[in-house]
Amino acid sequence: MFNKLFGRSGASAPAAQPVARASVPDLSQRAAVSLTKRGLSGRKAAVYLVLDRSGSMRHFYRNGTIQYLGERALGLSQALDDDGTVPVVFFSSTVDGTTELDLGNYAGRIDDTHAQLGHMGTTNYEAAIRAVIDHYQGSDATEPGFVLFQTDGGPDNPRAAVQALIDAKKLPLFWSFVGFGNQVDFLNAIDDLPGGIDNTGFFHVPDPHGLTDDALYDGITEQFGPYLAAAEAQGILR
């Protein structure tokens, strides 16, 4: 089994050696600590997870990184979400598929869904962004949305991706981008888009294998509090 990817940093254990995973309740407690540090204790938000399925992501699925990330998104949802369910969007050249994570169906769910989706294509951010927008607008959510958007490269069409994020500024949706690897120029560029409220954050993870759970939660929630304050001040969130 692959070494615990979002656990303690250091040398990896041999691939065949079993390792303990942090439980979702434990992850929820760690997420709650990060939220408290940000002054967000007691706040609620609908947590979404968006996962890159471009060809360069293949090894991250094979070695369990993305399943682990899904579990950590679910841990965040238990501390933050209004219903504890995480809608998941898989994207490459288009939206490849969707699923949901909750406490009853998360074990292996990311891996199993990915395995059923077939060809891994390019990196169409716009399709994934608009899928989340459509889901949020079609839901009964009364709380803001927190979108954990994972990728390891720039979009096929940067202009279309930027426009989709600008269009989303009118909605109470915060986009927390997590960039694996080093192809992050675009993500750096969209960390503070012009034209109104800053609805994006960016957390760079060059090597997810050495990232602790605490560091992950601290990184992805860092800009959420300022977003909520701005959204309330501008009447986007009530």
C-alpha atoms as a PDB file:
ATOM      1  CA  MET A   1       0.000   0.000   0.000  1.00  0.00           C
ATOM      2  CA  PHE A   2       1.236   3.447  -0.783  1.00  0.00           C
ATOM      3  CA  ASN A   3       2.610   5.545   2.062  1.00  0.00           C
ATOM      4  CA  LYS A   4       0.185   7.906   3.767  1.00  0.00           C
ATOM      5  CA  LEU A   5       0.182  10.768   1.320  1.00  0.00           C
ATOM      6  CA  PHE A   6      -1.208  13.527   3.480  1.00  0.00           C
ATOM      7  CA  GLY A   7       0.327  12.328   6.719  1.00  0.00           C
ATOM      8  CA  ARG A   8       3.710  12.970   8.232  1.00  0.00           C
ATOM      9  CA  SER A   9       6.447  14.107   5.911  1.00  0.00           C
ATOM     10  CA  GLY A  10       9.552  12.007   5.556  1.00  0.00           C
ATOM     11  CA  ALA A  11      10.691   8.867   3.809  1.00  0.00           C
ATOM     12  CA  SER A  12       8.010   6.718   2.218  1.00  0.00           C
ATOM     13  CA  ALA A  13       7.307   3.273   3.608  1.00  0.00           C
ATOM     14  CA  PRO A  14       7.743   0.281   1.282  1.00  0.00           C
ATOM     15  CA  ALA A  15       4.816   0.005  -1.106  1.00  0.00           C
ATOM     16  CA  ALA A  16       3.647  -3.349   0.281  1.00  0.00           C
ATOM     17  CA  GLN A  17       3.615  -2.247   3.929  1.00  0.00           C
ATOM     18  CA  PRO A  18       0.148  -1.435   5.329  1.00  0.00           C
ATOM     19  CA  VAL A  19      -0.201   2.025   6.818  1.00  0.00           C
ATOM     20  CA  ALA A  20      -2.871   3.556   9.012  1.00  0.00           C
ATOM     21  CA  ARG A  21      -5.201   6.143   7.557  1.00  0.00           C
ATOM     22  CA  ALA A  22      -6.558   9.016   9.552  1.00  0.00           C
ATOM     23  CA  SER A  23     -10.249   8.467  10.140  1.00  0.00           C
ATOM     24  CA  VAL A  24     -12.754  10.940   8.784  1.00  0.00           C
ATOM     25  CA  PRO A  25     -13.805  11.982  12.319  1.00  0.00           C
ATOM     26  CA  ASP A  26     -10.131  12.690  13.084  1.00  0.00           C
ATOM     27  CA  LEU A  27      -9.803  14.643   9.849  1.00  0.00           C
ATOM     28  CA  SER A  28     -12.920  16.595  10.778  1.00  0.00           C
ATOM     29  CA  GLN A  29     -11.308  17.595  14.067  1.00  0.00           C
ATOM     30  CA  ARG A  30      -8.167  18.747  12.259  1.00  0.00           C
ATOM     31  CA  ALA A  31     -10.241  20.736   9.782  1.00  0.00           C
ATOM     32  CA  ALA A  32     -12.147  22.303  12.669  1.00  0.00           C
ATOM     33  CA  VAL A  33      -8.876  23.460  14.224  1.00  0.00           C
ATOM     34  CA  SER A  34      -7.901  25.201  10.977  1.00  0.00           C
ATOM     35  CA  LEU A  35     -11.316  26.828  10.700  1.00  0.00           C
ATOM     36  CA  THR A  36     -11.086  28.046  14.293  1.00  0.00           C
ATOM     37  CA  LYS A  37      -7.669  29.575  13.609  1.00  0.00           C
ATOM     38  CA  ARG A  38      -9.294  31.465  10.726  1.00  0.00           C
ATOM     39  CA  GLY A  39     -12.118  32.722  12.930  1.00  0.00           C
ATOM     40  CA  LEU A  40     -14.578  30.452  11.141  1.00  0.00           C
ATOM     41  CA  SER A  41     -15.745  28.226  13.971  1.00  0.00           C
ATOM     42  CA  GLY A  42     -19.455  27.624  13.564  1.00  0.00           C
ATOM     43  CA  ARG A  43     -19.607  28.839   9.965  1.00  0.00           C
ATOM     44  CA  LYS A  44     -21.337  26.611   7.427  1.00  0.00           C
ATOM     45  CA  ALA A  45     -20.710  26.099   3.722  1.00  0.00           C
ATOM     46  CA  ALA A  46     -21.553  23.536   1.054  1.00  0.00           C
ATOM     47  CA  VAL A  47     -18.275  21.762   0.232  1.00  0.00           C
ATOM     48  CA  TYR A  48     -17.577  20.717  -3.362  1.00  0.00           C
ATOM     49  CA  LEU A  49     -14.612  18.750  -4.725  1.00  0.00           C
ATOM     50  CA  VAL A  50     -13.377  19.144  -8.319  1.00  0.00           C
ATOM     51  CA  LEU A  51     -10.766  16.651  -9.561  1.00  0.00           C
ATOM     52  CA  ASP A  52      -8.492  16.882 -12.586  1.00  0.00           C
ATOM     53  CA  ARG A  53      -8.503  13.743 -14.807  1.00  0.00           C
ATOM     54  CA  SER A  54      -6.091  14.984 -17.463  1.00  0.00           C
ATOM     55  CA  GLY A  55      -3.496  12.477 -18.637  1.00  0.00           C
ATOM     56  CA  SER A  56      -0.747  13.920 -16.436  1.00  0.00           C
ATOM     57  CA  MET A  57      -2.830  13.059 -13.364  1.00  0.00           C
ATOM     58  CA  ARG A  58      -2.723   9.304 -13.994  1.00  0.00           C
ATOM     59  CA  HIS A  59      -0.044   8.513 -11.401  1.00  0.00           C
ATOM     60  CA  PHE A  60      -1.867  10.506  -8.717  1.00  0.00           C
ATOM     61  CA  TYR A  61      -4.877   8.233  -9.155  1.00  0.00           C
ATOM     62  CA  ARG A  62      -2.779   5.083  -9.323  1.00  0.00           C
ATOM     63  CA  ASN A  63      -0.880   5.773  -6.108  1.00  0.00           C
ATOM     64  CA  GLY A  64      -3.935   6.745  -4.069  1.00  0.00           C
ATOM     65  CA  THR A  65      -3.315  10.473  -3.768  1.00  0.00           C
ATOM     66  CA  ILE A  66      -6.712  11.480  -5.136  1.00  0.00           C
ATOM     67  CA  GLN A  67      -8.649   9.005  -2.983  1.00  0.00           C
ATOM     68  CA  TYR A  68      -6.834  10.475   0.023  1.00  0.00           C
ATOM     69  CA  LEU A  69      -7.715  13.995  -1.086  1.00  0.00           C
ATOM     70  CA  GLY A  70     -11.355  12.967  -1.360  1.00  0.00           C
ATOM     71  CA  GLU A  71     -11.307  11.703   2.209  1.00  0.00           C
ATOM     72  CA  ARG A  72      -9.816  14.974   3.363  1.00  0.00           C
ATOM     73  CA  ALA A  73     -12.519  16.930   1.537  1.00  0.00           C
ATOM     74  CA  LEU A  74     -15.077  14.806   3.359  1.00  0.00           C
ATOM     75  CA  GLY A  75     -13.328  15.565   6.655  1.00  0.00           C
ATOM     76  CA  LEU A  76     -13.628  19.263   5.866  1.00  0.00           C
ATOM     77  CA  SER A  77     -17.300  18.845   5.061  1.00  0.00           C
ATOM     78  CA  GLN A  78     -17.988  17.251   8.438  1.00  0.00           C
ATOM     79  CA  ALA A  79     -16.585  20.382  10.086  1.00  0.00           C
ATOM     80  CA  LEU A  80     -17.995  22.936   7.663  1.00  0.00           C
ATOM     81  CA  ASP A  81     -20.756  21.589   5.455  1.00  0.00           C
ATOM     82  CA  ASP A  82     -24.462  22.105   5.951  1.00  0.00           C
ATOM     83  CA  ASP A  83     -25.293  18.453   5.162  1.00  0.00           C
ATOM     84  CA  GLY A  84     -22.004  16.518   5.270  1.00  0.00           C
ATOM     85  CA  THR A  85     -22.239  15.420   1.630  1.00  0.00           C
ATOM     86  CA  VAL A  86     -19.574  16.381  -0.896  1.00  0.00           C
ATOM     87  CA  PRO A  87     -20.575  16.590  -4.587  1.00  0.00           C
ATOM     88  CA  VAL A  88     -17.555  15.567  -6.689  1.00  0.00           C
ATOM     89  CA  VAL A  89     -16.889  16.660 -10.283  1.00  0.00           C
ATOM     90  CA  PHE A  90     -14.280  14.824 -12.381  1.00  0.00           C
ATOM     91  CA  PHE A  91     -13.078  16.745 -15.417  1.00  0.00           C
ATOM     92  CA  SER A  92     -10.634  16.497 -18.305  1.00  0.00           C
ATOM     93  CA  SER A  93     -11.583  17.582 -21.843  1.00  0.00           C
ATOM     94  CA  THR A  94     -15.117  17.950 -20.487  1.00  0.00           C
ATOM     95  CA  VAL A  95     -16.938  16.882 -17.337  1.00  0.00           C
ATOM     96  CA  ASP A  96     -16.151  13.184 -17.241  1.00  0.00           C
ATOM     97  CA  GLY A  97     -18.508  12.269 -14.438  1.00  0.00           C
ATOM     98  CA  THR A  98     -19.794  13.083 -10.972  1.00  0.00           C
ATOM     99  CA  THR A  99     -20.361  11.323  -7.672  1.00  0.00           C
ATOM    100  CA  GLU A 100     -20.968  12.165  -4.023  1.00  0.00           C
ATOM    101  CA  LEU A 101     -19.060  11.394  -0.853  1.00  0.00           C
ATOM    102  CA  ASP A 102     -20.621  10.955   2.557  1.00  0.00           C
ATOM    103  CA  LEU A 103     -19.835   8.969   5.666  1.00  0.00           C
ATOM    104  CA  GLY A 104     -21.579   5.906   4.260  1.00  0.00           C
ATOM    105  CA  ASN A 105     -19.870   5.681   0.867  1.00  0.00           C
ATOM    106  CA  TYR A 106     -16.441   7.285   0.816  1.00  0.00           C
ATOM    107  CA  ALA A 107     -14.150   4.252   1.115  1.00  0.00           C
ATOM    108  CA  GLY A 108     -12.672   3.681  -2.358  1.00  0.00           C
ATOM    109  CA  ARG A 109     -15.357   5.875  -3.919  1.00  0.00           C
ATOM    110  CA  ILE A 110     -12.976   8.196  -5.778  1.00  0.00           C
ATOM    111  CA  ASP A 111     -10.889   5.322  -7.117  1.00  0.00           C
ATOM    112  CA  ASP A 112     -13.934   3.289  -8.163  1.00  0.00           C
ATOM    113  CA  THR A 113     -15.613   6.206  -9.937  1.00  0.00           C
ATOM    114  CA  HIS A 114     -12.408   7.209 -11.709  1.00  0.00           C
ATOM    115  CA  ALA A 115     -11.936   3.632 -12.949  1.00  0.00           C
ATOM    116  CA  GLN A 116     -15.359   3.728 -14.619  1.00  0.00           C
ATOM    117  CA  LEU A 117     -14.787   7.008 -16.468  1.00  0.00           C
ATOM    118  CA  GLY A 118     -12.407   5.771 -19.140  1.00  0.00           C
ATOM    119  CA  HIS A 119     -10.187   8.049 -21.211  1.00  0.00           C
ATOM    120  CA  MET A 120      -8.247  10.792 -19.451  1.00  0.00           C
ATOM    121  CA  GLY A 121      -8.122  13.886 -21.646  1.00  0.00           C
ATOM    122  CA  THR A 122      -6.982  17.488 -21.406  1.00  0.00           C
ATOM    123  CA  THR A 123      -7.765  20.202 -18.836  1.00  0.00           C
ATOM    124  CA  ASN A 124     -11.039  22.042 -19.386  1.00  0.00           C
ATOM    125  CA  TYR A 125     -11.452  24.176 -16.267  1.00  0.00           C
ATOM    126  CA  GLU A 126     -14.446  25.999 -17.695  1.00  0.00           C
ATOM    127  CA  ALA A 127     -16.575  22.867 -17.985  1.00  0.00           C
ATOM    128  CA  ALA A 128     -15.881  21.938 -14.362  1.00  0.00           C
ATOM    129  CA  ILE A 129     -16.487  25.460 -13.067  1.00  0.00           C
ATOM    130  CA  ARG A 130     -19.805  25.762 -14.842  1.00  0.00           C
ATOM    131  CA  ALA A 131     -20.870  22.293 -13.638  1.00  0.00           C
ATOM    132  CA  VAL A 132     -20.390  23.456 -10.044  1.00  0.00           C
ATOM    133  CA  ILE A 133     -22.239  26.702 -10.738  1.00  0.00           C
ATOM    134  CA  ASP A 134     -25.165  24.784 -12.237  1.00  0.00           C
ATOM    135  CA  HIS A 135     -25.291  22.363  -9.317  1.00  0.00           C
ATOM    136  CA  TYR A 136     -25.163  25.134  -6.727  1.00  0.00           C
ATOM    137  CA  GLN A 137     -27.865  27.170  -8.456  1.00  0.00           C
ATOM    138  CA  GLY A 138     -30.056  24.072  -8.779  1.00  0.00           C
ATOM    139  CA  SER A 139     -29.638  23.073  -5.142  1.00  0.00           C
ATOM    140  CA  ASP A 140     -31.498  24.271  -2.103  1.00  0.00           C
ATOM    141  CA  ALA A 141     -28.307  25.575  -0.520  1.00  0.00           C
ATOM    142  CA  THR A 142     -28.734  28.625   1.672  1.00  0.00           C
ATOM    143  CA  GLU A 143     -25.094  28.678   2.751  1.00  0.00           C
ATOM    144  CA  PRO A 144     -22.091  29.710   0.631  1.00  0.00           C
ATOM    145  CA  GLY A 145     -20.186  27.133  -1.378  1.00  0.00           C
ATOM    146  CA  PHE A 146     -16.565  26.155  -0.736  1.00  0.00           C
ATOM    147  CA  VAL A 147     -15.097  24.572  -3.887  1.00  0.00           C
ATOM    148  CA  LEU A 148     -11.877  22.592  -3.483  1.00  0.00           C
ATOM    149  CA  PHE A 149     -10.538  22.531  -7.050  1.00  0.00           C
ATOM    150  CA  GLN A 150      -7.526  20.259  -7.630  1.00  0.00           C
ATOM    151  CA  THR A 151      -5.360  20.308 -10.762  1.00  0.00           C
ATOM    152  CA  ASP A 152      -1.765  19.826 -11.865  1.00  0.00           C
ATOM    153  CA  GLY A 153      -1.686  22.194 -14.835  1.00  0.00           C
ATOM    154  CA  GLY A 154      -3.167  25.170 -16.642  1.00  0.00           C
ATOM    155  CA  PRO A 155      -6.468  25.095 -18.543  1.00  0.00           C
ATOM    156  CA  ASP A 156      -7.044  24.346 -22.220  1.00  0.00           C
ATOM    157  CA  ASN A 157      -8.634  27.755 -22.638  1.00  0.00           C
ATOM    158  CA  PRO A 158      -7.435  30.290 -20.041  1.00  0.00           C
ATOM    159  CA  ARG A 159      -9.785  33.025 -21.291  1.00  0.00           C
ATOM    160  CA  ALA A 160     -12.839  30.779 -20.918  1.00  0.00           C
ATOM    161  CA  ALA A 161     -11.755  29.639 -17.454  1.00  0.00           C
ATOM    162  CA  VAL A 162     -11.264  33.222 -16.281  1.00  0.00           C
ATOM    163  CA  GLN A 163     -14.640  34.254 -17.672  1.00  0.00           C
ATOM    164  CA  ALA A 164     -16.365  31.382 -15.866  1.00  0.00           C
ATOM    165  CA  LEU A 165     -14.804  32.461 -12.567  1.00  0.00           C
ATOM    166  CA  ILE A 166     -15.782  36.076 -13.205  1.00  0.00           C
ATOM    167  CA  ASP A 167     -19.343  34.965 -13.948  1.00  0.00           C
ATOM    168  CA  ALA A 168     -19.319  33.098 -10.620  1.00  0.00           C
ATOM    169  CA  LYS A 169     -18.537  36.285  -8.687  1.00  0.00           C
ATOM    170  CA  LYS A 170     -22.247  37.052  -8.422  1.00  0.00           C
ATOM    171  CA  LEU A 171     -22.790  33.831  -6.461  1.00  0.00           C
ATOM    172  CA  PRO A 172     -21.593  33.016  -2.918  1.00  0.00           C
ATOM    173  CA  LEU A 173     -19.007  30.521  -4.195  1.00  0.00           C
ATOM    174  CA  PHE A 174     -15.380  30.480  -3.084  1.00  0.00           C
ATOM    175  CA  TRP A 175     -12.893  28.594  -5.276  1.00  0.00           C
ATOM    176  CA  SER A 176      -9.938  27.163  -3.380  1.00  0.00           C
ATOM    177  CA  PHE A 177      -7.480  25.931  -6.010  1.00  0.00           C
ATOM    178  CA  VAL A 178      -4.911  23.285  -5.080  1.00  0.00           C
ATOM    179  CA  GLY A 179      -2.078  22.972  -7.583  1.00  0.00           C
ATOM    180  CA  PHE A 180      -0.008  19.779  -7.548  1.00  0.00           C
ATOM    181  CA  GLY A 181       3.444  19.885  -9.120  1.00  0.00           C
ATOM    182  CA  ASN A 182       5.004  22.994 -10.623  1.00  0.00           C
ATOM    183  CA  GLN A 183       2.783  23.962 -13.577  1.00  0.00           C
ATOM    184  CA  VAL A 184       1.032  26.680 -11.590  1.00  0.00           C
ATOM    185  CA  ASP A 185       1.549  29.940 -13.489  1.00  0.00           C
ATOM    186  CA  PHE A 186      -2.133  30.192 -14.374  1.00  0.00           C
ATOM    187  CA  LEU A 187      -3.236  29.440 -10.812  1.00  0.00           C
ATOM    188  CA  ASN A 188      -0.959  32.179  -9.512  1.00  0.00           C
ATOM    189  CA  ALA A 189      -2.495  34.558 -12.051  1.00  0.00           C
ATOM    190  CA  ILE A 190      -6.112  33.886 -11.021  1.00  0.00           C
ATOM    191  CA  ASP A 191      -5.513  34.116  -7.278  1.00  0.00           C
ATOM    192  CA  ASP A 192      -6.889  37.661  -7.412  1.00  0.00           C
ATOM    193  CA  LEU A 193      -9.010  38.210 -10.502  1.00  0.00           C
ATOM    194  CA  PRO A 194     -10.105  41.735 -11.432  1.00  0.00           C
ATOM    195  CA  GLY A 195     -13.700  42.832 -11.567  1.00  0.00           C
ATOM    196  CA  GLY A 196     -15.275  42.751  -8.133  1.00  0.00           C
ATOM    197  CA  ILE A 197     -14.978  40.385  -5.209  1.00  0.00           C
ATOM    198  CA  ASP A 198     -11.927  38.137  -4.879  1.00  0.00           C
ATOM    199  CA  ASN A 199     -13.591  34.708  -5.075  1.00  0.00           C
ATOM    200  CA  THR A 200     -10.448  32.586  -5.574  1.00  0.00           C
ATOM    201  CA  GLY A 201      -7.624  31.255  -3.447  1.00  0.00           C
ATOM    202  CA  PHE A 202      -4.571  29.239  -4.404  1.00  0.00           C
ATOM    203  CA  PHE A 203      -2.553  26.738  -2.389  1.00  0.00           C
ATOM    204  CA  HIS A 204       0.552  25.341  -4.087  1.00  0.00           C
ATOM    205  CA  VAL A 205       1.421  21.715  -3.264  1.00  0.00           C
ATOM    206  CA  PRO A 206       4.588  20.803  -5.214  1.00  0.00           C
ATOM    207  CA  ASP A 207       4.739  17.376  -3.557  1.00  0.00           C
ATOM    208  CA  PRO A 208       1.473  16.117  -2.030  1.00  0.00           C
ATOM    209  CA  HIS A 209       3.271  13.072  -0.607  1.00  0.00           C
ATOM    210  CA  GLY A 210       4.874  15.169   2.139  1.00  0.00           C
ATOM    211  CA  LEU A 211       1.901  17.370   3.056  1.00  0.00           C
ATOM    212  CA  THR A 212       0.374  17.004   6.502  1.00  0.00           C
ATOM    213  CA  ASP A 213      -3.368  17.093   7.036  1.00  0.00           C
ATOM    214  CA  ASP A 214      -3.001  20.225   9.161  1.00  0.00           C
ATOM    215  CA  ALA A 215      -1.006  21.987   6.440  1.00  0.00           C
ATOM    216  CA  LEU A 216      -3.592  21.039   3.818  1.00  0.00           C
ATOM    217  CA  TYR A 217      -6.493  22.427   5.830  1.00  0.00           C
ATOM    218  CA  ASP A 218      -4.576  25.569   6.765  1.00  0.00           C
ATOM    219  CA  GLY A 219      -3.657  26.169   3.124  1.00  0.00           C
ATOM    220  CA  ILE A 220      -7.057  25.660   1.553  1.00  0.00           C
ATOM    221  CA  THR A 221      -8.980  27.721   4.139  1.00  0.00           C
ATOM    222  CA  GLU A 222      -6.560  30.653   4.417  1.00  0.00           C
ATOM    223  CA  GLN A 223      -8.514  32.999   2.139  1.00  0.00           C
ATOM    224  CA  PHE A 224     -12.021  31.782   2.908  1.00  0.00           C
ATOM    225  CA  GLY A 225     -12.608  34.124   5.853  1.00  0.00           C
ATOM    226  CA  PRO A 226     -11.705  37.297   3.938  1.00  0.00           C
ATOM    227  CA  TYR A 227     -13.941  36.121   1.091  1.00  0.00           C
ATOM    228  CA  LEU A 228     -16.920  35.637   3.402  1.00  0.00           C
ATOM    229  CA  ALA A 229     -16.443  39.084   4.931  1.00  0.00           C
ATOM    230  CA  ALA A 230     -16.267  40.691   1.485  1.00  0.00           C
ATOM    231  CA  ALA A 231     -19.271  38.703   0.223  1.00  0.00           C
ATOM    232  CA  GLU A 232     -21.343  39.854   3.175  1.00  0.00           C
ATOM    233  CA  ALA A 233     -20.219  43.470   2.745  1.00  0.00           C
ATOM    234  CA  GLN A 234     -21.188  43.406  -0.941  1.00  0.00           C
ATOM    235  CA  GLY A 235     -24.555  41.697  -0.387  1.00  0.00           C
ATOM    236  CA  ILE A 236     -23.569  38.524  -2.233  1.00  0.00           C
ATOM    237  CA  LEU A 237     -23.991  36.552   0.974  1.00  0.00           C
ATOM    238  CA  ARG A 238     -26.701  37.274   3.484  1.00  0.00           C
END
